[in-house]
Amino acid sequence: MPKNKSHKGLAKRIKISKKGKIRFGRPHSRHLKSNKAGTQIQSYRKRRYARSGDIRALSKLLFRPLLSQEQHELREAQREVPVAV
């Protein structure tokens, strides 16, 4: 049985946090910036988190479970709610 290998091209472009969220750089931010507005160029500097619609495909490519930003915020909110018994 062959081993499952993660997609190396994707692995080089993203960073997976300790809690399983995916961070990546904005597309179209490398060059050809002279025709773009300054605020648009500033927004390219910020890193983004993968959204819930992309998580299933990304987790299949990397062979590991991943969390989207929404899923992470939902889990954090559930942890903060005290259980009254």
N, C-alpha and C. Protein backbone atom coordinates (compact mmCIF):
# COMPACT_ATOMS: atom_id res chain seq x y z
N MET A 1 0.85 -1.18 0.00
CA MET A 1 0.00 0.00 0.00
C MET A 1 0.89 1.25 0.00
N PRO A 2 0.70 2.16 -0.94
CA PRO A 2 1.55 3.37 -0.96
C PRO A 2 1.18 4.34 0.15
N LYS A 3 2.16 5.16 0.51
CA LYS A 3 1.94 6.16 1.55
C LYS A 3 1.18 7.35 0.99
N ASN A 4 0.44 8.03 1.84
CA ASN A 4 -0.22 9.27 1.45
C ASN A 4 0.78 10.40 1.58
N LYS A 5 0.97 11.13 0.50
CA LYS A 5 1.92 12.24 0.51
C LYS A 5 1.16 13.55 0.39
N SER A 6 1.57 14.52 1.17
CA SER A 6 0.91 15.83 1.10
C SER A 6 1.35 16.55 -0.17
N HIS A 7 0.52 17.44 -0.64
CA HIS A 7 0.79 18.21 -1.85
C HIS A 7 1.86 19.25 -1.54
N LYS A 8 3.06 19.07 -2.06
CA LYS A 8 4.20 19.90 -1.68
C LYS A 8 4.04 21.34 -2.16
N GLY A 9 3.41 21.54 -3.32
CA GLY A 9 3.19 22.90 -3.81
C GLY A 9 2.29 23.69 -2.89
N LEU A 10 1.24 23.04 -2.39
CA LEU A 10 0.33 23.70 -1.45
C LEU A 10 1.00 23.90 -0.09
N ALA A 11 1.77 22.93 0.34
CA ALA A 11 2.42 23.01 1.65
C ALA A 11 3.40 24.17 1.71
N LYS A 12 4.00 24.54 0.59
CA LYS A 12 4.95 25.66 0.57
C LYS A 12 4.25 27.01 0.57
N ARG A 13 3.00 27.06 0.17
CA ARG A 13 2.29 28.33 0.04
C ARG A 13 1.43 28.69 1.25
N ILE A 14 1.25 27.75 2.16
CA ILE A 14 0.39 28.00 3.31
C ILE A 14 1.15 27.71 4.60
N LYS A 15 0.60 28.21 5.68
CA LYS A 15 1.13 27.88 7.01
C LYS A 15 -0.03 27.40 7.85
N ILE A 16 0.13 26.26 8.48
CA ILE A 16 -0.92 25.69 9.31
C ILE A 16 -0.60 26.02 10.76
N SER A 17 -1.54 26.65 11.43
CA SER A 17 -1.33 27.03 12.82
C SER A 17 -1.45 25.80 13.72
N LYS A 18 -1.13 25.99 14.98
CA LYS A 18 -1.17 24.89 15.94
C LYS A 18 -2.57 24.33 16.10
N LYS A 19 -3.58 25.19 15.96
CA LYS A 19 -4.97 24.75 16.12
C LYS A 19 -5.58 24.27 14.80
N GLY A 20 -4.81 24.26 13.70
CA GLY A 20 -5.30 23.70 12.45
C GLY A 20 -5.83 24.71 11.47
N LYS A 21 -5.75 26.01 11.77
CA LYS A 21 -6.20 27.02 10.81
C LYS A 21 -5.14 27.19 9.73
N ILE A 22 -5.58 27.64 8.56
CA ILE A 22 -4.67 27.82 7.43
C ILE A 22 -4.49 29.30 7.13
N ARG A 23 -3.24 29.76 7.14
CA ARG A 23 -2.92 31.13 6.76
C ARG A 23 -2.22 31.11 5.42
N PHE A 24 -2.50 32.12 4.60
CA PHE A 24 -1.85 32.21 3.29
C PHE A 24 -1.79 33.66 2.87
N GLY A 25 -0.93 33.94 1.91
CA GLY A 25 -0.79 35.30 1.38
C GLY A 25 -1.85 35.58 0.34
N ARG A 26 -2.16 36.85 0.18
CA ARG A 26 -3.17 37.24 -0.79
C ARG A 26 -2.66 37.01 -2.21
N PRO A 27 -3.51 36.55 -3.12
CA PRO A 27 -3.09 36.43 -4.51
C PRO A 27 -2.98 37.80 -5.18
N HIS A 28 -2.26 37.88 -6.27
CA HIS A 28 -2.03 39.09 -7.07
C HIS A 28 -1.23 40.13 -6.31
N SER A 29 -0.40 39.75 -5.36
CA SER A 29 0.31 40.72 -4.54
C SER A 29 1.80 40.78 -4.84
N ARG A 30 2.28 40.08 -5.84
CA ARG A 30 3.72 40.00 -6.08
C ARG A 30 4.26 41.14 -6.95
N HIS A 31 3.62 41.39 -8.08
CA HIS A 31 4.16 42.40 -8.99
C HIS A 31 3.00 43.06 -9.73
N LEU A 32 3.30 43.95 -10.66
CA LEU A 32 2.31 44.73 -11.42
C LEU A 32 1.43 45.54 -10.48
N LYS A 33 2.06 46.30 -9.60
CA LYS A 33 1.32 47.07 -8.61
C LYS A 33 1.13 48.53 -9.00
N SER A 34 1.72 48.96 -10.11
CA SER A 34 1.66 50.38 -10.45
C SER A 34 0.25 50.83 -10.85
N ASN A 35 -0.57 49.92 -11.33
CA ASN A 35 -1.92 50.30 -11.74
C ASN A 35 -2.95 50.02 -10.65
N LYS A 36 -2.50 49.69 -9.44
CA LYS A 36 -3.42 49.39 -8.35
C LYS A 36 -3.41 50.53 -7.34
N ALA A 37 -4.51 50.71 -6.65
CA ALA A 37 -4.62 51.77 -5.65
C ALA A 37 -3.78 51.42 -4.42
N GLY A 38 -3.40 52.45 -3.67
CA GLY A 38 -2.56 52.24 -2.50
C GLY A 38 -3.24 51.43 -1.43
N THR A 39 -4.55 51.64 -1.26
CA THR A 39 -5.27 50.87 -0.25
C THR A 39 -5.35 49.39 -0.63
N GLN A 40 -5.43 49.13 -1.93
CA GLN A 40 -5.45 47.74 -2.38
C GLN A 40 -4.10 47.08 -2.11
N ILE A 41 -3.01 47.80 -2.36
CA ILE A 41 -1.68 47.26 -2.10
C ILE A 41 -1.48 47.03 -0.61
N GLN A 42 -2.00 47.93 0.23
CA GLN A 42 -1.89 47.75 1.68
C GLN A 42 -2.64 46.50 2.13
N SER A 43 -3.77 46.22 1.50
CA SER A 43 -4.54 45.04 1.91
C SER A 43 -3.83 43.75 1.52
N TYR A 44 -2.96 43.81 0.52
CA TYR A 44 -2.20 42.62 0.14
C TYR A 44 -1.19 42.21 1.22
N ARG A 45 -0.78 43.14 2.08
CA ARG A 45 0.22 42.83 3.09
C ARG A 45 -0.32 41.93 4.19
N LYS A 46 -1.61 41.97 4.41
CA LYS A 46 -2.21 41.18 5.47
C LYS A 46 -2.35 39.73 5.02
N ARG A 47 -2.10 38.83 5.93
CA ARG A 47 -2.30 37.42 5.66
C ARG A 47 -3.77 37.09 5.86
N ARG A 48 -4.24 36.10 5.15
CA ARG A 48 -5.64 35.71 5.25
C ARG A 48 -5.75 34.30 5.79
N TYR A 49 -6.91 33.98 6.32
CA TYR A 49 -7.22 32.62 6.76
C TYR A 49 -8.15 31.99 5.75
N ALA A 50 -7.99 30.69 5.56
CA ALA A 50 -8.85 29.97 4.62
C ALA A 50 -10.28 29.94 5.14
N ARG A 51 -11.23 30.07 4.25
CA ARG A 51 -12.64 30.06 4.62
C ARG A 51 -13.17 28.63 4.59
N SER A 52 -14.37 28.46 5.08
CA SER A 52 -14.91 27.11 5.26
C SER A 52 -15.16 26.37 3.95
N GLY A 53 -15.40 27.10 2.86
CA GLY A 53 -15.65 26.43 1.59
C GLY A 53 -14.44 25.75 1.00
N ASP A 54 -13.25 26.20 1.36
CA ASP A 54 -12.02 25.65 0.80
C ASP A 54 -11.42 24.54 1.66
N ILE A 55 -11.87 24.40 2.87
CA ILE A 55 -11.21 23.52 3.83
C ILE A 55 -11.25 22.06 3.39
N ARG A 56 -12.36 21.62 2.84
CA ARG A 56 -12.49 20.21 2.47
C ARG A 56 -11.46 19.83 1.39
N ALA A 57 -11.31 20.67 0.38
CA ALA A 57 -10.36 20.39 -0.69
C ALA A 57 -8.92 20.46 -0.17
N LEU A 58 -8.64 21.44 0.69
CA LEU A 58 -7.28 21.58 1.22
C LEU A 58 -6.91 20.43 2.13
N SER A 59 -7.85 19.97 2.93
CA SER A 59 -7.55 18.85 3.82
C SER A 59 -7.33 17.55 3.03
N LYS A 60 -7.99 17.42 1.90
CA LYS A 60 -7.75 16.24 1.06
C LYS A 60 -6.35 16.28 0.46
N LEU A 61 -5.90 17.47 0.06
CA LEU A 61 -4.56 17.60 -0.54
C LEU A 61 -3.46 17.38 0.49
N LEU A 62 -3.71 17.75 1.73
CA LEU A 62 -2.68 17.66 2.75
C LEU A 62 -2.79 16.42 3.64
N PHE A 63 -3.89 15.65 3.50
CA PHE A 63 -4.11 14.42 4.26
C PHE A 63 -4.08 14.68 5.77
N ARG A 64 -4.76 15.74 6.21
CA ARG A 64 -4.90 16.01 7.63
C ARG A 64 -6.12 16.87 7.87
N PRO A 65 -6.73 16.78 9.04
CA PRO A 65 -7.91 17.61 9.33
C PRO A 65 -7.51 19.06 9.54
N LEU A 66 -8.33 19.98 9.04
CA LEU A 66 -8.05 21.40 9.13
C LEU A 66 -9.27 22.15 9.62
N LEU A 67 -9.07 23.36 10.14
CA LEU A 67 -10.15 24.22 10.60
C LEU A 67 -10.20 25.49 9.79
N SER A 68 -11.39 25.98 9.52
CA SER A 68 -11.53 27.29 8.90
C SER A 68 -11.59 28.34 9.99
N GLN A 69 -11.52 29.60 9.63
CA GLN A 69 -11.61 30.68 10.61
C GLN A 69 -12.95 30.64 11.33
N GLU A 70 -14.04 30.37 10.59
CA GLU A 70 -15.36 30.31 11.21
C GLU A 70 -15.47 29.16 12.20
N GLN A 71 -14.93 28.00 11.81
CA GLN A 71 -15.00 26.85 12.70
C GLN A 71 -14.20 27.09 13.97
N HIS A 72 -13.06 27.75 13.84
CA HIS A 72 -12.24 28.04 15.01
C HIS A 72 -12.96 29.00 15.96
N GLU A 73 -13.57 30.06 15.41
CA GLU A 73 -14.29 31.01 16.24
C GLU A 73 -15.48 30.36 16.93
N LEU A 74 -16.15 29.43 16.23
CA LEU A 74 -17.27 28.72 16.83
C LEU A 74 -16.82 27.87 18.01
N ARG A 75 -15.70 27.17 17.86
CA ARG A 75 -15.18 26.34 18.95
C ARG A 75 -14.75 27.19 20.14
N GLU A 76 -14.13 28.33 19.86
CA GLU A 76 -13.71 29.22 20.95
C GLU A 76 -14.92 29.76 21.71
N ALA A 77 -15.99 30.08 20.99
CA ALA A 77 -17.20 30.58 21.64
C ALA A 77 -17.85 29.50 22.50
N GLN A 78 -17.81 28.25 22.04
CA GLN A 78 -18.38 27.16 22.82
C GLN A 78 -17.58 26.88 24.08
N ARG A 79 -16.27 27.08 24.03
CA ARG A 79 -15.43 26.87 25.20
C ARG A 79 -15.67 27.93 26.26
N GLU A 80 -15.97 29.15 25.83
CA GLU A 80 -16.15 30.25 26.77
C GLU A 80 -17.47 30.18 27.52
N VAL A 81 -18.48 29.55 26.95
CA VAL A 81 -19.78 29.44 27.61
C VAL A 81 -19.68 28.46 28.76
N PRO A 82 -19.89 28.90 30.01
CA PRO A 82 -19.82 27.97 31.14
C PRO A 82 -21.04 27.04 31.17
N VAL A 83 -20.81 25.82 31.56
CA VAL A 83 -21.89 24.84 31.64
C VAL A 83 -22.47 24.90 33.05
N ALA A 84 -23.74 25.24 33.15
CA ALA A 84 -24.42 25.33 34.45
C ALA A 84 -25.14 24.02 34.74
N VAL A 85 -24.77 23.39 35.83
CA VAL A 85 -25.40 22.12 36.20
C VAL A 85 -25.99 22.23 37.59
